[in-house]
Every structure is written in C-alpha cells, then in structure tokens.
Amino acid sequence: FEAAWHVTTAKNGMSAKTLERTLGTSYRVAWTMLQRFR
C-alpha cells in the first residue's frame, strides 16, 4: 500500500531504485512490485 501511494502521488512516478530507498526493501522486491502494479 505504501508503494502504491508513492507511485500514484509522485508527480513523475518512481524508479525501482528510488522505491527501494524509500521502502527499505531490496531492489528486486521494489522492481517486482512496480512491474506488478504496471
């Protein structure tokens, strides 16, 4: 839910690397979450 909030509220979206730092997860988890949301 936090990832969905950041993805939809950020003006230009978020890259997987930025989401990784924001959520504190691994890069793979952040990247996979973004791909599923897409």
PDB file of all heavy atoms in Angstrom:
ATOM      1  N   PHE A   1       0.829  -1.204   0.000  1.00  0.00           N
ATOM      2  CA  PHE A   1       0.000   0.000   0.000  1.00  0.00           C
ATOM      3  C   PHE A   1       0.868   1.260   0.000  1.00  0.00           C
ATOM      4  O   PHE A   1       0.557   2.240  -0.676  1.00  0.00           O
ATOM      5  CB  PHE A   1      -0.927   0.000   1.221  1.00  0.00           C
ATOM      6  CG  PHE A   1      -2.199  -0.773   1.024  1.00  0.00           C
ATOM      7  CD1 PHE A   1      -2.178  -2.032   0.429  1.00  0.00           C
ATOM      8  CD2 PHE A   1      -3.412  -0.276   1.441  1.00  0.00           C
ATOM      9  CE1 PHE A   1      -3.342  -2.758   0.252  1.00  0.00           C
ATOM     10  CE2 PHE A   1      -4.588  -0.979   1.256  1.00  0.00           C
ATOM     11  CZ  PHE A   1      -4.550  -2.235   0.663  1.00  0.00           C
ATOM     12  N   GLU A   2       1.959   1.221   0.758  1.00  0.00           N
ATOM     13  CA  GLU A   2       2.859   2.378   0.779  1.00  0.00           C
ATOM     14  C   GLU A   2       3.484   2.593  -0.597  1.00  0.00           C
ATOM     15  O   GLU A   2       3.599   3.725  -1.072  1.00  0.00           O
ATOM     16  CB  GLU A   2       3.955   2.185   1.831  1.00  0.00           C
ATOM     17  CG  GLU A   2       4.877   3.393   1.968  1.00  0.00           C
ATOM     18  CD  GLU A   2       5.950   3.198   3.029  1.00  0.00           C
ATOM     19  OE1 GLU A   2       5.924   2.150   3.711  1.00  0.00           O
ATOM     20  OE2 GLU A   2       6.816   4.080   3.140  1.00  0.00           O
ATOM     21  N   ALA A   3       3.855   1.491  -1.256  1.00  0.00           N
ATOM     22  CA  ALA A   3       4.418   1.596  -2.605  1.00  0.00           C
ATOM     23  C   ALA A   3       3.395   2.180  -3.567  1.00  0.00           C
ATOM     24  O   ALA A   3       3.712   3.050  -4.395  1.00  0.00           O
ATOM     25  CB  ALA A   3       4.882   0.226  -3.086  1.00  0.00           C
ATOM     26  N   ALA A   4       2.148   1.718  -3.483  1.00  0.00           N
ATOM     27  CA  ALA A   4       1.094   2.239  -4.353  1.00  0.00           C
ATOM     28  C   ALA A   4       0.873   3.726  -4.120  1.00  0.00           C
ATOM     29  O   ALA A   4       0.633   4.490  -5.067  1.00  0.00           O
ATOM     30  CB  ALA A   4      -0.205   1.469  -4.116  1.00  0.00           C
ATOM     31  N   TRP A   5       0.964   4.155  -2.864  1.00  0.00           N
ATOM     32  CA  TRP A   5       0.782   5.579  -2.560  1.00  0.00           C
ATOM     33  C   TRP A   5       1.904   6.416  -3.174  1.00  0.00           C
ATOM     34  O   TRP A   5       1.655   7.453  -3.787  1.00  0.00           O
ATOM     35  CB  TRP A   5       0.734   5.788  -1.056  1.00  0.00           C
ATOM     36  CG  TRP A   5       0.630   7.229  -0.676  1.00  0.00           C
ATOM     37  CD1 TRP A   5       1.624   8.054  -0.228  1.00  0.00           C
ATOM     38  CD2 TRP A   5      -0.555   8.037  -0.721  1.00  0.00           C
ATOM     39  NE1 TRP A   5       1.139   9.308   0.000  1.00  0.00           N
ATOM     40  CE2 TRP A   5      -0.193   9.329  -0.290  1.00  0.00           C
ATOM     41  CE3 TRP A   5      -1.884   7.783  -1.093  1.00  0.00           C
ATOM     42  CZ2 TRP A   5      -1.116  10.376  -0.220  1.00  0.00           C
ATOM     43  CZ3 TRP A   5      -2.797   8.825  -1.014  1.00  0.00           C
ATOM     44  CH2 TRP A   5      -2.408  10.103  -0.588  1.00  0.00           C
ATOM     45  N   HIS A   6       3.136   5.973  -3.020  1.00  0.00           N
ATOM     46  CA  HIS A   6       4.261   6.725  -3.585  1.00  0.00           C
ATOM     47  C   HIS A   6       4.196   6.758  -5.114  1.00  0.00           C
ATOM     48  O   HIS A   6       4.490   7.782  -5.740  1.00  0.00           O
ATOM     49  CB  HIS A   6       5.586   6.109  -3.134  1.00  0.00           C
ATOM     50  CG  HIS A   6       5.897   6.330  -1.685  1.00  0.00           C
ATOM     51  ND1 HIS A   6       5.909   7.583  -1.106  1.00  0.00           N
ATOM     52  CD2 HIS A   6       6.200   5.459  -0.689  1.00  0.00           C
ATOM     53  CE1 HIS A   6       6.203   7.477   0.178  1.00  0.00           C
ATOM     54  NE2 HIS A   6       6.387   6.198   0.457  1.00  0.00           N
ATOM     55  N   VAL A   7       3.826   5.639  -5.717  1.00  0.00           N
ATOM     56  CA  VAL A   7       3.789   5.555  -7.173  1.00  0.00           C
ATOM     57  C   VAL A   7       2.729   6.487  -7.744  1.00  0.00           C
ATOM     58  O   VAL A   7       2.936   7.136  -8.776  1.00  0.00           O
ATOM     59  CB  VAL A   7       3.526   4.097  -7.620  1.00  0.00           C
ATOM     60  CG1 VAL A   7       3.175   4.034  -9.097  1.00  0.00           C
ATOM     61  CG2 VAL A   7       4.753   3.245  -7.345  1.00  0.00           C
ATOM     62  N   THR A   8       1.576   6.577  -7.073  1.00  0.00           N
ATOM     63  CA  THR A   8       0.473   7.378  -7.610  1.00  0.00           C
ATOM     64  C   THR A   8       0.548   8.844  -7.215  1.00  0.00           C
ATOM     65  O   THR A   8      -0.022   9.689  -7.917  1.00  0.00           O
ATOM     66  CB  THR A   8      -0.881   6.813  -7.137  1.00  0.00           C
ATOM     67  OG1 THR A   8      -0.869   6.684  -5.703  1.00  0.00           O
ATOM     68  CG2 THR A   8      -1.129   5.456  -7.757  1.00  0.00           C
ATOM     69  N   THR A   9       1.223   9.177  -6.136  1.00  0.00           N
ATOM     70  CA  THR A   9       1.274  10.572  -5.693  1.00  0.00           C
ATOM     71  C   THR A   9       2.505  11.302  -6.194  1.00  0.00           C
ATOM     72  O   THR A   9       2.496  12.535  -6.278  1.00  0.00           O
ATOM     73  CB  THR A   9       1.220  10.666  -4.156  1.00  0.00           C
ATOM     74  OG1 THR A   9       2.304   9.897  -3.598  1.00  0.00           O
ATOM     75  CG2 THR A   9      -0.102  10.149  -3.632  1.00  0.00           C
ATOM     76  N   ALA A  10       3.582  10.588  -6.513  1.00  0.00           N
ATOM     77  CA  ALA A  10       4.756  11.244  -7.068  1.00  0.00           C
ATOM     78  C   ALA A  10       4.428  11.772  -8.458  1.00  0.00           C
ATOM     79  O   ALA A  10       3.846  11.060  -9.286  1.00  0.00           O
ATOM     80  CB  ALA A  10       5.930  10.271  -7.129  1.00  0.00           C
ATOM     81  N   LYS A  11       4.776  13.014  -8.735  1.00  0.00           N
ATOM     82  CA  LYS A  11       4.383  13.655  -9.983  1.00  0.00           C
ATOM     83  C   LYS A  11       4.867  12.888 -11.204  1.00  0.00           C
ATOM     84  O   LYS A  11       4.120  12.716 -12.172  1.00  0.00           O
ATOM     85  CB  LYS A  11       4.943  15.081 -10.023  1.00  0.00           C
ATOM     86  CG  LYS A  11       4.575  15.836 -11.291  1.00  0.00           C
ATOM     87  CD  LYS A  11       5.133  17.242 -11.276  1.00  0.00           C
ATOM     88  CE  LYS A  11       4.773  17.987 -12.562  1.00  0.00           C
ATOM     89  NZ  LYS A  11       5.319  19.366 -12.572  1.00  0.00           N
ATOM     90  N   ASN A  12       6.095  12.421 -11.177  1.00  0.00           N
ATOM     91  CA  ASN A  12       6.673  11.713 -12.319  1.00  0.00           C
ATOM     92  C   ASN A  12       6.878  10.231 -12.049  1.00  0.00           C
ATOM     93  O   ASN A  12       7.636   9.576 -12.763  1.00  0.00           O
ATOM     94  CB  ASN A  12       7.999  12.356 -12.715  1.00  0.00           C
ATOM     95  CG  ASN A  12       7.833  13.774 -13.210  1.00  0.00           C
ATOM     96  OD1 ASN A  12       6.922  14.045 -13.981  1.00  0.00           O
ATOM     97  ND2 ASN A  12       8.687  14.676 -12.747  1.00  0.00           N
ATOM     98  N   GLY A  13       6.247   9.711 -11.006  1.00  0.00           N
ATOM     99  CA  GLY A  13       6.440   8.308 -10.700  1.00  0.00           C
ATOM    100  C   GLY A  13       7.745   8.064  -9.970  1.00  0.00           C
ATOM    101  O   GLY A  13       8.460   9.011  -9.600  1.00  0.00           O
ATOM    102  N   MET A  14       8.077   6.810  -9.796  1.00  0.00           N
ATOM    103  CA  MET A  14       9.291   6.448  -9.066  1.00  0.00           C
ATOM    104  C   MET A  14       9.993   5.310  -9.780  1.00  0.00           C
ATOM    105  O   MET A  14       9.349   4.390 -10.274  1.00  0.00           O
ATOM    106  CB  MET A  14       8.969   6.033  -7.624  1.00  0.00           C
ATOM    107  CG  MET A  14       8.260   7.084  -6.814  1.00  0.00           C
ATOM    108  SD  MET A  14       8.031   6.593  -5.092  1.00  0.00           S
ATOM    109  CE  MET A  14       9.694   6.802  -4.453  1.00  0.00           C
ATOM    110  N   SER A  15      11.304   5.388  -9.804  1.00  0.00           N
ATOM    111  CA  SER A  15      12.081   4.275 -10.324  1.00  0.00           C
ATOM    112  C   SER A  15      12.202   3.214  -9.242  1.00  0.00           C
ATOM    113  O   SER A  15      11.932   3.467  -8.059  1.00  0.00           O
ATOM    114  CB  SER A  15      13.477   4.748 -10.740  1.00  0.00           C
ATOM    115  OG  SER A  15      14.213   5.188  -9.599  1.00  0.00           O
ATOM    116  N   ALA A  16      12.612   2.019  -9.625  1.00  0.00           N
ATOM    117  CA  ALA A  16      12.753   0.932  -8.655  1.00  0.00           C
ATOM    118  C   ALA A  16      13.831   1.267  -7.623  1.00  0.00           C
ATOM    119  O   ALA A  16      13.707   0.921  -6.450  1.00  0.00           O
ATOM    120  CB  ALA A  16      13.083  -0.365  -9.374  1.00  0.00           C
ATOM    121  N   LYS A  17      14.870   1.948  -8.053  1.00  0.00           N
ATOM    122  CA  LYS A  17      15.956   2.313  -7.128  1.00  0.00           C
ATOM    123  C   LYS A  17      15.471   3.309  -6.086  1.00  0.00           C
ATOM    124  O   LYS A  17      15.787   3.183  -4.897  1.00  0.00           O
ATOM    125  CB  LYS A  17      17.126   2.912  -7.924  1.00  0.00           C
ATOM    126  CG  LYS A  17      18.432   2.955  -7.133  1.00  0.00           C
ATOM    127  CD  LYS A  17      18.921   1.562  -6.819  1.00  0.00           C
ATOM    128  CE  LYS A  17      20.235   1.573  -6.038  1.00  0.00           C
ATOM    129  NZ  LYS A  17      20.679   0.214  -5.694  1.00  0.00           N
ATOM    130  N   THR A  18      14.676   4.279  -6.513  1.00  0.00           N
ATOM    131  CA  THR A  18      14.129   5.255  -5.568  1.00  0.00           C
ATOM    132  C   THR A  18      13.151   4.588  -4.614  1.00  0.00           C
ATOM    133  O   THR A  18      13.146   4.873  -3.413  1.00  0.00           O
ATOM    134  CB  THR A  18      13.422   6.393  -6.322  1.00  0.00           C
ATOM    135  OG1 THR A  18      14.346   7.001  -7.228  1.00  0.00           O
ATOM    136  CG2 THR A  18      12.910   7.445  -5.360  1.00  0.00           C
ATOM    137  N   LEU A  19      12.324   3.684  -5.143  1.00  0.00           N
ATOM    138  CA  LEU A  19      11.364   2.980  -4.291  1.00  0.00           C
ATOM    139  C   LEU A  19      12.085   2.074  -3.302  1.00  0.00           C
ATOM    140  O   LEU A  19      11.649   1.930  -2.157  1.00  0.00           O
ATOM    141  CB  LEU A  19      10.403   2.162  -5.155  1.00  0.00           C
ATOM    142  CG  LEU A  19       9.194   1.558  -4.437  1.00  0.00           C
ATOM    143  CD1 LEU A  19       8.309   2.657  -3.859  1.00  0.00           C
ATOM    144  CD2 LEU A  19       8.382   0.687  -5.389  1.00  0.00           C
ATOM    145  N   GLU A  20      13.187   1.488  -3.714  1.00  0.00           N
ATOM    146  CA  GLU A  20      13.992   0.657  -2.814  1.00  0.00           C
ATOM    147  C   GLU A  20      14.461   1.470  -1.609  1.00  0.00           C
ATOM    148  O   GLU A  20      14.349   1.029  -0.453  1.00  0.00           O
ATOM    149  CB  GLU A  20      15.199   0.094  -3.564  1.00  0.00           C
ATOM    150  CG  GLU A  20      16.205  -0.618  -2.681  1.00  0.00           C
ATOM    151  CD  GLU A  20      17.564  -0.796  -3.351  1.00  0.00           C
ATOM    152  OE1 GLU A  20      17.721  -0.348  -4.504  1.00  0.00           O
ATOM    153  OE2 GLU A  20      18.465  -1.372  -2.705  1.00  0.00           O
ATOM    154  N   ARG A  21      14.985   2.659  -1.866  1.00  0.00           N
ATOM    155  CA  ARG A  21      15.464   3.505  -0.766  1.00  0.00           C
ATOM    156  C   ARG A  21      14.312   4.014   0.092  1.00  0.00           C
ATOM    157  O   ARG A  21      14.442   4.161   1.307  1.00  0.00           O
ATOM    158  CB  ARG A  21      16.262   4.683  -1.328  1.00  0.00           C
ATOM    159  CG  ARG A  21      17.563   4.296  -1.990  1.00  0.00           C
ATOM    160  CD  ARG A  21      18.426   5.518  -2.244  1.00  0.00           C
ATOM    161  NE  ARG A  21      17.804   6.415  -3.222  1.00  0.00           N
ATOM    162  CZ  ARG A  21      18.104   6.414  -4.507  1.00  0.00           C
ATOM    163  NH1 ARG A  21      19.002   5.564  -4.985  1.00  0.00           N
ATOM    164  NH2 ARG A  21      17.507   7.266  -5.332  1.00  0.00           N
ATOM    165  N   THR A  22      13.173   4.279  -0.526  1.00  0.00           N
ATOM    166  CA  THR A  22      12.027   4.815   0.209  1.00  0.00           C
ATOM    167  C   THR A  22      11.406   3.782   1.134  1.00  0.00           C
ATOM    168  O   THR A  22      11.074   4.073   2.284  1.00  0.00           O
ATOM    169  CB  THR A  22      10.952   5.331  -0.777  1.00  0.00           C
ATOM    170  OG1 THR A  22      11.529   6.310  -1.642  1.00  0.00           O
ATOM    171  CG2 THR A  22       9.783   5.942  -0.025  1.00  0.00           C
ATOM    172  N   LEU A  23      11.246   2.555   0.645  1.00  0.00           N
ATOM    173  CA  LEU A  23      10.597   1.499   1.425  1.00  0.00           C
ATOM    174  C   LEU A  23      11.556   0.739   2.326  1.00  0.00           C
ATOM    175  O   LEU A  23      11.134   0.105   3.288  1.00  0.00           O
ATOM    176  CB  LEU A  23       9.906   0.505   0.478  1.00  0.00           C
ATOM    177  CG  LEU A  23       8.804   1.055  -0.431  1.00  0.00           C
ATOM    178  CD1 LEU A  23       8.242  -0.056  -1.298  1.00  0.00           C
ATOM    179  CD2 LEU A  23       7.687   1.699   0.379  1.00  0.00           C
ATOM    180  N   GLY A  24      12.843   0.767   1.978  1.00  0.00           N
ATOM    181  CA  GLY A  24      13.813  -0.009   2.754  1.00  0.00           C
ATOM    182  C   GLY A  24      13.812  -1.477   2.401  1.00  0.00           C
ATOM    183  O   GLY A  24      14.255  -2.311   3.205  1.00  0.00           O
ATOM    184  N   THR A  25      13.343  -1.828   1.208  1.00  0.00           N
ATOM    185  CA  THR A  25      13.337  -3.212   0.755  1.00  0.00           C
ATOM    186  C   THR A  25      14.541  -3.461  -0.143  1.00  0.00           C
ATOM    187  O   THR A  25      15.355  -2.570  -0.376  1.00  0.00           O
ATOM    188  CB  THR A  25      12.050  -3.523  -0.034  1.00  0.00           C
ATOM    189  OG1 THR A  25      12.013  -2.697  -1.214  1.00  0.00           O
ATOM    190  CG2 THR A  25      10.820  -3.230   0.798  1.00  0.00           C
ATOM    191  N   SER A  26      14.652  -4.666  -0.655  1.00  0.00           N
ATOM    192  CA  SER A  26      15.695  -4.953  -1.636  1.00  0.00           C
ATOM    193  C   SER A  26      15.280  -4.384  -2.986  1.00  0.00           C
ATOM    194  O   SER A  26      14.103  -4.104  -3.231  1.00  0.00           O
ATOM    195  CB  SER A  26      15.924  -6.459  -1.750  1.00  0.00           C
ATOM    196  OG  SER A  26      14.788  -7.099  -2.302  1.00  0.00           O
ATOM    197  N   TYR A  27      16.248  -4.253  -3.878  1.00  0.00           N
ATOM    198  CA  TYR A  27      15.942  -3.716  -5.207  1.00  0.00           C
ATOM    199  C   TYR A  27      15.004  -4.654  -5.955  1.00  0.00           C
ATOM    200  O   TYR A  27      14.080  -4.200  -6.643  1.00  0.00           O
ATOM    201  CB  TYR A  27      17.233  -3.524  -6.005  1.00  0.00           C
ATOM    202  CG  TYR A  27      16.989  -3.063  -7.430  1.00  0.00           C
ATOM    203  CD1 TYR A  27      16.735  -1.725  -7.711  1.00  0.00           C
ATOM    204  CD2 TYR A  27      16.983  -3.978  -8.491  1.00  0.00           C
ATOM    205  CE1 TYR A  27      16.486  -1.294  -9.014  1.00  0.00           C
ATOM    206  CE2 TYR A  27      16.742  -3.556  -9.790  1.00  0.00           C
ATOM    207  CZ  TYR A  27      16.502  -2.219 -10.040  1.00  0.00           C
ATOM    208  OH  TYR A  27      16.255  -1.802 -11.320  1.00  0.00           O
ATOM    209  N   ARG A  28      15.225  -5.955  -5.829  1.00  0.00           N
ATOM    210  CA  ARG A  28      14.400  -6.933  -6.538  1.00  0.00           C
ATOM    211  C   ARG A  28      12.940  -6.834  -6.117  1.00  0.00           C
ATOM    212  O   ARG A  28      12.026  -6.897  -6.947  1.00  0.00           O
ATOM    213  CB  ARG A  28      14.934  -8.345  -6.299  1.00  0.00           C
ATOM    214  CG  ARG A  28      14.119  -9.450  -6.960  1.00  0.00           C
ATOM    215  CD  ARG A  28      14.179  -9.364  -8.473  1.00  0.00           C
ATOM    216  NE  ARG A  28      13.263 -10.312  -9.105  1.00  0.00           N
ATOM    217  CZ  ARG A  28      13.185 -10.508 -10.417  1.00  0.00           C
ATOM    218  NH1 ARG A  28      13.959  -9.822 -11.230  1.00  0.00           N
ATOM    219  NH2 ARG A  28      12.324 -11.375 -10.905  1.00  0.00           N
ATOM    220  N   VAL A  29      12.701  -6.685  -4.808  1.00  0.00           N
ATOM    221  CA  VAL A  29      11.327  -6.569  -4.312  1.00  0.00           C
ATOM    222  C   VAL A  29      10.672  -5.298  -4.851  1.00  0.00           C
ATOM    223  O   VAL A  29       9.539  -5.318  -5.323  1.00  0.00           O
ATOM    224  CB  VAL A  29      11.309  -6.575  -2.777  1.00  0.00           C
ATOM    225  CG1 VAL A  29       9.929  -6.190  -2.251  1.00  0.00           C
ATOM    226  CG2 VAL A  29      11.693  -7.948  -2.249  1.00  0.00           C
ATOM    227  N   ALA A  30      11.394  -4.184  -4.806  1.00  0.00           N
ATOM    228  CA  ALA A  30      10.847  -2.918  -5.294  1.00  0.00           C
ATOM    229  C   ALA A  30      10.557  -2.992  -6.794  1.00  0.00           C
ATOM    230  O   ALA A  30       9.506  -2.536  -7.259  1.00  0.00           O
ATOM    231  CB  ALA A  30      11.825  -1.780  -4.993  1.00  0.00           C
ATOM    232  N   TRP A  31      11.475  -3.578  -7.551  1.00  0.00           N
ATOM    233  CA  TRP A  31      11.297  -3.677  -9.001  1.00  0.00           C
ATOM    234  C   TRP A  31      10.102  -4.556  -9.354  1.00  0.00           C
ATOM    235  O   TRP A  31       9.296  -4.216 -10.216  1.00  0.00           O
ATOM    236  CB  TRP A  31      12.569  -4.247  -9.620  1.00  0.00           C
ATOM    237  CG  TRP A  31      12.537  -4.353 -11.114  1.00  0.00           C
ATOM    238  CD1 TRP A  31      12.873  -3.396 -12.025  1.00  0.00           C
ATOM    239  CD2 TRP A  31      12.129  -5.497 -11.889  1.00  0.00           C
ATOM    240  NE1 TRP A  31      12.703  -3.855 -13.316  1.00  0.00           N
ATOM    241  CE2 TRP A  31      12.247  -5.137 -13.259  1.00  0.00           C
ATOM    242  CE3 TRP A  31      11.694  -6.778 -11.567  1.00  0.00           C
ATOM    243  CZ2 TRP A  31      11.942  -6.025 -14.295  1.00  0.00           C
ATOM    244  CZ3 TRP A  31      11.367  -7.651 -12.592  1.00  0.00           C
ATOM    245  CH2 TRP A  31      11.504  -7.278 -13.941  1.00  0.00           C
ATOM    246  N   THR A  32       9.965  -5.695  -8.655  1.00  0.00           N
ATOM    247  CA  THR A  32       8.860  -6.613  -8.937  1.00  0.00           C
ATOM    248  C   THR A  32       7.518  -5.982  -8.574  1.00  0.00           C
ATOM    249  O   THR A  32       6.520  -6.153  -9.291  1.00  0.00           O
ATOM    250  CB  THR A  32       9.044  -7.924  -8.165  1.00  0.00           C
ATOM    251  OG1 THR A  32      10.320  -8.492  -8.481  1.00  0.00           O
ATOM    252  CG2 THR A  32       7.962  -8.925  -8.518  1.00  0.00           C
ATOM    253  N   MET A  33       7.479  -5.253  -7.467  1.00  0.00           N
ATOM    254  CA  MET A  33       6.239  -4.583  -7.076  1.00  0.00           C
ATOM    255  C   MET A  33       5.816  -3.572  -8.142  1.00  0.00           C
ATOM    256  O   MET A  33       4.636  -3.489  -8.511  1.00  0.00           O
ATOM    257  CB  MET A  33       6.422  -3.883  -5.728  1.00  0.00           C
ATOM    258  CG  MET A  33       6.587  -4.835  -4.557  1.00  0.00           C
ATOM    259  SD  MET A  33       7.041  -3.992  -3.027  1.00  0.00           S
ATOM    260  CE  MET A  33       5.541  -3.150  -2.643  1.00  0.00           C
ATOM    261  N   LEU A  34       6.774  -2.813  -8.650  1.00  0.00           N
ATOM    262  CA  LEU A  34       6.453  -1.836  -9.692  1.00  0.00           C
ATOM    263  C   LEU A  34       5.941  -2.517 -10.958  1.00  0.00           C
ATOM    264  O   LEU A  34       4.978  -2.054 -11.579  1.00  0.00           O
ATOM    265  CB  LEU A  34       7.698  -0.998 -10.016  1.00  0.00           C
ATOM    266  CG  LEU A  34       8.006   0.153  -9.062  1.00  0.00           C
ATOM    267  CD1 LEU A  34       9.306   0.837  -9.473  1.00  0.00           C
ATOM    268  CD2 LEU A  34       6.874   1.167  -9.049  1.00  0.00           C
ATOM    269  N   GLN A  35       6.577  -3.618 -11.338  1.00  0.00           N
ATOM    270  CA  GLN A  35       6.143  -4.324 -12.545  1.00  0.00           C
ATOM    271  C   GLN A  35       4.734  -4.876 -12.379  1.00  0.00           C
ATOM    272  O   GLN A  35       3.921  -4.846 -13.321  1.00  0.00           O
ATOM    273  CB  GLN A  35       7.126  -5.454 -12.866  1.00  0.00           C
ATOM    274  CG  GLN A  35       8.513  -4.993 -13.280  1.00  0.00           C
ATOM    275  CD  GLN A  35       8.512  -4.257 -14.613  1.00  0.00           C
ATOM    276  OE1 GLN A  35       7.532  -4.253 -15.339  1.00  0.00           O
ATOM    277  NE2 GLN A  35       9.625  -3.625 -14.934  1.00  0.00           N
ATOM    278  N   ARG A  36       4.411  -5.377 -11.210  1.00  0.00           N
ATOM    279  CA  ARG A  36       3.055  -5.904 -10.983  1.00  0.00           C
ATOM    280  C   ARG A  36       2.028  -4.776 -10.997  1.00  0.00           C
ATOM    281  O   ARG A  36       0.926  -4.940 -11.539  1.00  0.00           O
ATOM    282  CB  ARG A  36       3.000  -6.655  -9.658  1.00  0.00           C
ATOM    283  CG  ARG A  36       3.796  -7.956  -9.649  1.00  0.00           C
ATOM    284  CD  ARG A  36       3.540  -8.743  -8.377  1.00  0.00           C
ATOM    285  NE  ARG A  36       4.352  -9.958  -8.321  1.00  0.00           N
ATOM    286  CZ  ARG A  36       4.235 -10.881  -7.369  1.00  0.00           C
ATOM    287  NH1 ARG A  36       3.353 -10.715  -6.394  1.00  0.00           N
ATOM    288  NH2 ARG A  36       4.993 -11.958  -7.381  1.00  0.00           N
ATOM    289  N   PHE A  37       2.375  -3.652 -10.408  1.00  0.00           N
ATOM    290  CA  PHE A  37       1.456  -2.517 -10.421  1.00  0.00           C
ATOM    291  C   PHE A  37       1.228  -2.017 -11.846  1.00  0.00           C
ATOM    292  O   PHE A  37       0.126  -1.579 -12.189  1.00  0.00           O
ATOM    293  CB  PHE A  37       1.988  -1.381  -9.549  1.00  0.00           C
ATOM    294  CG  PHE A  37       1.633  -1.507  -8.090  1.00  0.00           C
ATOM    295  CD1 PHE A  37       2.587  -1.322  -7.101  1.00  0.00           C
ATOM    296  CD2 PHE A  37       0.331  -1.806  -7.709  1.00  0.00           C
ATOM    297  CE1 PHE A  37       2.259  -1.447  -5.760  1.00  0.00           C
ATOM    298  CE2 PHE A  37      -0.012  -1.931  -6.367  1.00  0.00           C
ATOM    299  CZ  PHE A  37       0.954  -1.752  -5.391  1.00  0.00           C
ATOM    300  N   ARG A  38       2.261  -2.067 -12.682  1.00  0.00           N
ATOM    301  CA  ARG A  38       2.093  -1.624 -14.070  1.00  0.00           C
ATOM    302  C   ARG A  38       1.121  -2.522 -14.821  1.00  0.00           C
ATOM    303  O   ARG A  38       0.370  -2.051 -15.675  1.00  0.00           O
ATOM    304  CB  ARG A  38       3.453  -1.588 -14.764  1.00  0.00           C
ATOM    305  CG  ARG A  38       4.333  -0.428 -14.290  1.00  0.00           C
ATOM    306  CD  ARG A  38       5.729  -0.476 -14.849  1.00  0.00           C
ATOM    307  NE  ARG A  38       6.524   0.619 -14.313  1.00  0.00           N
ATOM    308  CZ  ARG A  38       7.747   0.503 -13.810  1.00  0.00           C
ATOM    309  NH1 ARG A  38       8.345  -0.688 -13.801  1.00  0.00           N
ATOM    310  NH2 ARG A  38       8.385   1.548 -13.341  1.00  0.00           N
TER     311      ARG A  38
END
